[in-house]
């Protein structure tokens, strides 16, 4: 997001914790030409308010979160505090921005009450979430709607939430995510272990939803009213690809023929099927996913192969970004 905004000529003020794993994408893309970075915690309301005031933004895109389902089981208090009160702190700071025109809060495809039947969710479906991560993000949706109606609408600031699918892409080394786990297993020379190999998810390349967020923010900051929440998901057929298929495609693309194996033992429950219907984003914004799931995995593997070969990360990322922009 920061790299793309820089390419578009925007001045970006970032606020986040320091990366918690090595390697990390942010430090390898830095420095940003027109970027200002504050390393701090969303829980520090005073520090966040000071950073937002100093930035004097016209658009706020709130993406910070505790984003991992398994970690939410290990530390539910941190997850609820970060995802709910962190969002409250962002929106509270936004109330006092004189030039602000739009706020976009990014949540997740997991905000919906999921019965596991694989039916693609639309924006009007009931919110829910059995695990702490999903529940915290559903709460985030309610917090955003409350601030929009109670405070920000009075200042003519448009507020919306965006719900995306399971993203893949170069530069993701997060713990307990499928693609980074494949990459780490290959580098360590060990067999990849999968918890739920038959589960299906709405896989998409990270550039697809980011393109949607930017387009959404542009519409929100204009004069025309748009929907207060939108899904950004892949083509419908791409929601039928299982965890095992993704792992096999990635491993083969990275040059490994070592088979995966199911992880033994008890694991926190996760839904076996998840799918999104992004028709509303297509109709209201003219957005559509440009990469099919298998192409998204191919692009991701190409990025990691370039990284492993020692390619410059900024040049590698900009190259894929430029190629993506040229797609029709």
Protein backbone atom coordinates (compact mmCIF):
# COMPACT_ATOMS: atom_id res chain seq x y z
CA UNK A 1 0.00 0.00 0.00
CA UNK A 2 2.72 2.49 0.94
CA UNK A 3 4.79 1.64 -2.12
CA UNK A 4 1.80 2.07 -4.43
CA UNK A 5 0.76 5.36 -2.84
CA UNK A 6 4.31 6.64 -3.20
CA UNK A 7 4.22 5.66 -6.87
CA UNK A 8 0.97 7.66 -7.22
CA UNK A 9 2.63 10.74 -5.71
CA UNK A 10 0.96 10.70 -2.30
CA UNK A 11 2.58 11.70 0.96
CA UNK A 12 2.14 8.75 3.31
CA UNK A 13 2.24 8.84 7.11
CA UNK A 14 2.46 5.33 8.55
CA UNK A 15 1.77 4.31 12.15
CA UNK A 16 2.42 0.75 13.32
CA UNK A 17 4.42 -1.51 15.57
CA UNK A 18 7.88 -2.54 14.45
CA UNK A 19 7.94 -5.74 12.35
CA UNK A 20 7.94 -8.78 14.63
CA UNK A 21 9.71 -11.21 12.30
CA UNK A 22 12.85 -11.45 10.16
CA UNK A 23 13.00 -10.87 7.27
CA UNK A 24 10.33 -8.20 6.88
CA UNK A 25 9.08 -6.32 3.84
CA UNK A 26 8.82 -2.82 5.31
CA UNK A 27 12.50 -2.38 6.16
CA UNK A 28 13.53 -3.75 2.76
CA UNK A 29 11.31 -1.26 0.94
CA UNK A 30 12.50 1.69 3.03
CA UNK A 31 13.24 4.53 2.78
CA UNK A 32 10.12 5.91 1.15
CA UNK A 33 10.56 9.15 -0.79
CA UNK A 34 7.46 10.85 0.56
CA UNK A 35 6.90 8.68 3.60
CA UNK A 36 6.87 9.41 7.32
CA UNK A 37 6.90 6.46 9.70
CA UNK A 38 5.93 6.37 13.37
CA UNK A 39 6.75 3.15 15.20
CA UNK A 40 4.28 3.02 18.07
CA UNK A 41 1.30 1.14 19.49
CA UNK A 42 -2.36 1.78 18.62
CA UNK A 43 -3.06 1.34 22.33
CA UNK A 44 -1.11 4.56 23.01
CA UNK A 45 -3.97 6.95 22.33
CA UNK A 46 -1.92 10.09 22.97
CA UNK A 47 0.90 9.03 20.64
CA UNK A 48 -1.58 8.05 17.93
CA UNK A 49 -3.52 11.32 18.26
CA UNK A 50 -0.26 13.28 18.03
CA UNK A 51 0.83 11.40 14.91
CA UNK A 52 -2.55 11.87 13.22
CA UNK A 53 -2.64 15.57 14.09
CA UNK A 54 0.87 16.05 12.72
CA UNK A 55 -0.04 14.26 9.49
CA UNK A 56 -3.22 16.34 9.00
CA UNK A 57 -4.58 13.70 6.59
CA UNK A 58 -7.22 13.95 3.90
CA UNK A 59 -7.67 10.13 3.87
CA UNK A 60 -7.11 7.58 6.62
CA UNK A 61 -6.79 3.89 5.73
CA UNK A 62 -6.80 1.81 8.90
CA UNK A 63 -5.19 -1.61 8.35
CA UNK A 64 -3.43 -2.24 11.67
CA UNK A 65 -4.56 -5.34 13.53
CA UNK A 66 -3.68 -8.53 15.33
CA UNK A 67 -4.46 -10.56 12.19
CA UNK A 68 -3.80 -14.20 13.10
CA UNK A 69 -6.52 -16.65 14.12
CA UNK A 70 -4.27 -19.01 16.08
CA UNK A 71 -2.63 -16.13 17.95
CA UNK A 72 -6.10 -14.90 18.88
CA UNK A 73 -6.70 -18.20 20.69
CA UNK A 74 -3.34 -17.86 22.48
CA UNK A 75 -3.93 -14.23 23.50
CA UNK A 76 -7.57 -13.17 23.13
CA UNK A 77 -7.12 -10.11 25.36
CA UNK A 78 -4.43 -8.67 23.08
CA UNK A 79 -6.56 -9.46 20.03
CA UNK A 80 -9.70 -7.74 21.34
CA UNK A 81 -7.71 -4.78 22.70
CA UNK A 82 -5.84 -4.20 19.45
CA UNK A 83 -8.64 -4.81 17.00
CA UNK A 84 -11.46 -3.10 18.87
CA UNK A 85 -9.91 -0.39 21.04
CA UNK A 86 -7.18 0.22 18.47
CA UNK A 87 -9.91 1.04 15.98
CA UNK A 88 -11.66 3.25 18.54
CA UNK A 89 -8.40 5.17 19.01
CA UNK A 90 -7.97 5.65 15.26
CA UNK A 91 -11.52 6.90 14.81
CA UNK A 92 -11.29 9.13 17.87
CA UNK A 93 -8.18 10.77 16.39
CA UNK A 94 -9.96 11.09 13.05
CA UNK A 95 -12.71 13.19 14.68
CA UNK A 96 -10.29 16.08 15.11
CA UNK A 97 -8.80 16.24 11.59
CA UNK A 98 -9.85 19.44 9.86
CA UNK A 99 -9.00 18.36 6.30
CA UNK A 100 -10.17 14.76 6.55
CA UNK A 101 -12.51 13.61 3.79
CA UNK A 102 -12.60 9.82 4.10
CA UNK A 103 -11.83 6.92 6.45
CA UNK A 104 -11.53 3.36 5.20
CA UNK A 105 -11.30 0.63 7.84
CA UNK A 106 -10.05 -2.72 6.56
CA UNK A 107 -11.52 -5.71 8.38
CA UNK A 108 -11.70 -9.27 6.97
CA UNK A 109 -13.78 -11.90 5.21
CA UNK A 110 -14.13 -13.58 8.61
CA UNK A 111 -16.54 -10.98 10.02
CA UNK A 112 -19.52 -12.99 8.77
CA UNK A 113 -21.37 -15.59 10.80
CA UNK A 114 -20.11 -18.73 9.06
CA UNK A 115 -22.12 -21.95 9.00
CA UNK A 116 -19.41 -23.67 6.94
CA UNK A 117 -21.60 -24.33 3.92
CA UNK A 118 -19.33 -22.50 1.46
CA UNK A 119 -22.03 -20.05 0.29
CA UNK A 120 -20.38 -16.78 -0.76
CA UNK A 121 -21.07 -13.97 1.69
CA UNK A 122 -22.59 -10.68 0.57
CA UNK A 123 -22.30 -7.43 2.50
CA UNK A 124 -25.80 -7.65 4.01
CA UNK A 125 -25.17 -11.06 5.60
CA UNK A 126 -25.18 -11.37 9.37
CA UNK A 127 -21.95 -10.58 11.21
CA UNK A 128 -20.49 -13.07 13.68
CA UNK A 129 -17.28 -14.88 14.49
CA UNK A 130 -16.65 -17.78 16.84
CA UNK A 131 -12.88 -17.36 17.28
CA UNK A 132 -11.50 -14.23 19.02
CA UNK A 133 -9.99 -12.82 15.82
CA UNK A 134 -13.21 -13.06 13.81
CA UNK A 135 -15.32 -11.77 16.69
CA UNK A 136 -12.99 -8.83 17.28
CA UNK A 137 -13.21 -7.85 13.63
CA UNK A 138 -17.00 -8.09 13.62
CA UNK A 139 -16.95 -5.77 16.64
CA UNK A 140 -14.65 -3.46 14.68
CA UNK A 141 -17.38 -3.18 12.04
CA UNK A 142 -19.89 -2.06 14.70
CA UNK A 143 -17.45 0.44 16.18
CA UNK A 144 -16.82 1.95 12.75
CA UNK A 145 -20.52 2.26 11.98
CA UNK A 146 -21.13 3.91 15.36
CA UNK A 147 -18.39 6.52 14.88
CA UNK A 148 -19.54 7.18 11.34
CA UNK A 149 -23.11 7.87 12.39
CA UNK A 150 -22.44 9.55 15.73
CA UNK A 151 -19.52 11.81 14.87
CA UNK A 152 -17.86 11.78 11.46
CA UNK A 153 -20.99 12.17 9.33
CA UNK A 154 -21.55 15.55 10.99
CA UNK A 155 -18.24 16.70 9.50
CA UNK A 156 -19.12 15.34 6.04
CA UNK A 157 -16.44 12.66 6.38
CA UNK A 158 -17.34 9.47 4.53
CA UNK A 159 -16.54 6.26 6.44
CA UNK A 160 -16.55 2.69 5.15
CA UNK A 161 -15.24 -0.81 5.85
CA UNK A 162 -13.59 -3.18 3.38
CA UNK A 163 -13.62 -6.97 3.71
CA UNK A 164 -11.06 -8.93 1.70
CA UNK A 165 -10.23 -12.58 1.20
CA UNK A 166 -7.08 -14.54 2.08
CA UNK A 167 -4.21 -12.70 0.45
CA UNK A 168 -0.97 -14.11 -0.90
CA UNK A 169 2.01 -12.22 -2.27
CA UNK A 170 5.73 -11.64 -2.04
CA UNK A 171 7.12 -10.25 1.20
CA UNK A 172 4.73 -11.96 3.60
CA UNK A 173 6.71 -13.79 6.28
CA UNK A 174 4.03 -13.83 8.98
CA UNK A 175 3.83 -16.79 11.33
CA UNK A 176 1.05 -19.34 10.77
CA UNK A 177 0.26 -18.25 7.23
CA UNK A 178 0.24 -20.83 4.49
CA UNK A 179 2.54 -19.34 1.84
CA UNK A 180 5.26 -18.23 4.29
CA UNK A 181 5.02 -21.65 5.96
CA UNK A 182 5.68 -23.32 2.58
CA UNK A 183 8.69 -21.05 1.98
CA UNK A 184 10.09 -21.67 5.47
CA UNK A 185 9.63 -25.45 5.21
CA UNK A 186 11.54 -25.53 1.91
CA UNK A 187 14.37 -23.42 3.33
CA UNK A 188 14.59 -25.59 6.44
CA UNK A 189 14.49 -28.81 4.40
CA UNK A 190 11.55 -30.14 6.38
CA UNK A 191 8.14 -31.48 5.48
CA UNK A 192 5.33 -28.94 5.47
CA UNK A 193 2.61 -29.69 8.01
CA UNK A 194 -0.98 -28.64 7.33
CA UNK A 195 -3.68 -28.35 10.00
CA UNK A 196 -6.74 -28.27 7.73
CA UNK A 197 -5.65 -29.41 4.24
CA UNK A 198 -9.18 -29.68 2.81
CA UNK A 199 -10.32 -26.21 3.93
CA UNK A 200 -11.11 -23.73 1.15
CA UNK A 201 -10.52 -19.98 1.22
CA UNK A 202 -11.01 -17.01 -1.14
CA UNK A 203 -7.37 -16.83 -2.26
CA UNK A 204 -6.26 -13.61 -3.99
CA UNK A 205 -3.07 -11.73 -4.72
CA UNK A 206 -2.54 -8.85 -2.30
CA UNK A 207 -2.48 -6.32 -5.14
CA UNK A 208 -6.11 -7.07 -5.99
CA UNK A 209 -7.63 -5.93 -2.67
CA UNK A 210 -5.10 -3.11 -2.30
CA UNK A 211 -6.20 -1.83 -5.71
CA UNK A 212 -9.77 -2.06 -4.42
CA UNK A 213 -8.94 -0.15 -1.23
CA UNK A 214 -7.32 2.67 -3.19
CA UNK A 215 -10.25 2.90 -5.58
CA UNK A 216 -12.68 2.79 -2.66
CA UNK A 217 -10.81 5.56 -0.82
CA UNK A 218 -10.83 7.66 -3.99
CA UNK A 219 -14.60 7.31 -4.30
CA UNK A 220 -15.15 7.98 -0.60
CA UNK A 221 -13.15 11.20 -0.74
CA UNK A 222 -15.13 12.42 -3.76
CA UNK A 223 -18.57 13.95 -3.84
CA UNK A 224 -20.51 10.83 -4.84
CA UNK A 225 -21.91 8.59 -2.12
CA UNK A 226 -20.83 4.95 -2.21
CA UNK A 227 -21.62 1.85 -0.18
CA UNK A 228 -20.62 1.83 3.49
CA UNK A 229 -19.01 -1.60 3.19
CA UNK A 230 -17.72 -3.70 0.30
CA UNK A 231 -16.26 -7.16 -0.20
CA UNK A 232 -13.07 -7.58 -2.24
CA UNK A 233 -12.72 -11.21 -3.23
CA UNK A 234 -11.46 -13.40 -6.07
CA UNK A 235 -13.38 -14.87 -8.96
CA UNK A 236 -15.89 -17.38 -7.58
CA UNK A 237 -14.10 -20.45 -8.93
CA UNK A 238 -10.99 -19.42 -6.98
CA UNK A 239 -12.82 -19.92 -3.68
CA UNK A 240 -12.86 -23.68 -4.29
CA UNK A 241 -9.09 -24.18 -4.07
CA UNK A 242 -8.09 -26.07 -0.93
CA UNK A 243 -5.22 -25.41 1.45
CA UNK A 244 -3.51 -28.59 0.20
CA UNK A 245 -3.77 -27.44 -3.44
CA UNK A 246 -2.29 -24.05 -2.61
CA UNK A 247 0.57 -25.67 -0.72
CA UNK A 248 1.29 -28.07 -3.60
CA UNK A 249 1.22 -25.30 -6.22
CA UNK A 250 3.51 -23.08 -4.17
CA UNK A 251 5.96 -25.86 -3.34
CA UNK A 252 6.21 -26.95 -6.98
CA UNK A 253 6.65 -23.32 -8.11
CA UNK A 254 9.49 -22.94 -5.62
CA UNK A 255 11.19 -26.09 -6.88
CA UNK A 256 10.24 -28.57 -4.16
CA UNK A 257 8.68 -31.98 -4.66
CA UNK A 258 8.56 -32.87 -0.95
CA UNK A 259 4.96 -33.89 -0.05
CA UNK A 260 3.07 -32.20 2.78
CA UNK A 261 1.63 -34.09 5.74
CA UNK A 262 -1.29 -33.49 8.10
CA UNK A 263 -0.38 -32.13 11.51
CA UNK A 264 -1.22 -34.45 14.37
CA UNK A 265 -2.79 -33.34 17.64
CA UNK A 266 -5.60 -30.96 18.57
CA UNK A 267 -5.84 -27.57 16.90
CA UNK A 268 -8.07 -24.56 17.47
CA UNK A 269 -11.16 -24.92 15.28
CA UNK A 270 -11.32 -23.10 11.94
CA UNK A 271 -14.11 -23.01 9.38
CA UNK A 272 -13.72 -25.51 6.55
CA UNK A 273 -15.18 -23.23 3.86
CA UNK A 274 -15.16 -19.49 3.26
CA UNK A 275 -16.14 -17.52 0.16
CA UNK A 276 -16.89 -13.89 -0.73
CA UNK A 277 -19.19 -12.31 -3.27
CA UNK A 278 -17.57 -9.11 -4.60
CA UNK A 279 -20.33 -8.19 -7.04
CA UNK A 280 -21.12 -4.96 -5.21
CA UNK A 281 -17.53 -3.68 -5.54
CA UNK A 282 -17.57 -4.54 -9.23
CA UNK A 283 -20.82 -2.62 -9.79
CA UNK A 284 -20.18 0.41 -7.57
CA UNK A 285 -16.45 0.96 -8.13
CA UNK A 286 -15.78 -0.76 -11.44
CA UNK A 287 -13.23 -2.90 -9.58
CA UNK A 288 -12.57 -6.51 -10.44
CA UNK A 289 -9.86 -9.04 -9.54
CA UNK A 290 -7.19 -9.08 -12.24
CA UNK A 291 -5.36 -12.24 -11.16
CA UNK A 292 -6.87 -15.72 -10.92
CA UNK A 293 -5.77 -17.70 -7.86
CA UNK A 294 -3.23 -19.81 -9.73
CA UNK A 295 -1.74 -16.71 -11.33
CA UNK A 296 -1.60 -15.08 -7.90
CA UNK A 297 0.37 -18.05 -6.60
CA UNK A 298 2.67 -17.95 -9.64
CA UNK A 299 3.38 -14.24 -9.05
CA UNK A 300 4.03 -14.95 -5.37
CA UNK A 301 6.47 -17.75 -6.18
CA UNK A 302 8.26 -15.54 -8.72
CA UNK A 303 8.70 -12.86 -6.04
CA UNK A 304 10.14 -15.31 -3.53
CA UNK A 305 12.43 -16.86 -6.14
CA UNK A 306 13.73 -13.37 -6.91
CA UNK A 307 14.24 -12.66 -3.22
CA UNK A 308 16.10 -15.96 -2.74
CA UNK A 309 18.33 -15.04 -5.70
CA UNK A 310 19.27 -11.75 -4.05
CA UNK A 311 17.20 -9.39 -6.19
CA UNK A 312 16.54 -5.90 -4.88
CA UNK A 313 13.21 -6.09 -3.02
CA UNK A 314 12.02 -2.61 -3.97
CA UNK A 315 12.77 -3.19 -7.65
CA UNK A 316 11.18 -6.64 -7.48
CA UNK A 317 8.00 -5.28 -5.89
CA UNK A 318 7.75 -2.28 -8.20
CA UNK A 319 8.19 -4.58 -11.18
CA UNK A 320 5.18 -6.66 -10.17
CA UNK A 321 3.21 -3.52 -9.38
CA UNK A 322 3.89 -2.06 -12.83
CA UNK A 323 2.95 -5.35 -14.48
CA UNK A 324 -0.27 -5.46 -12.46
CA UNK A 325 -1.19 -1.90 -13.47
CA UNK A 326 -0.88 -2.91 -17.13
CA UNK A 327 -3.32 -5.82 -16.77
CA UNK A 328 -6.81 -5.38 -18.18
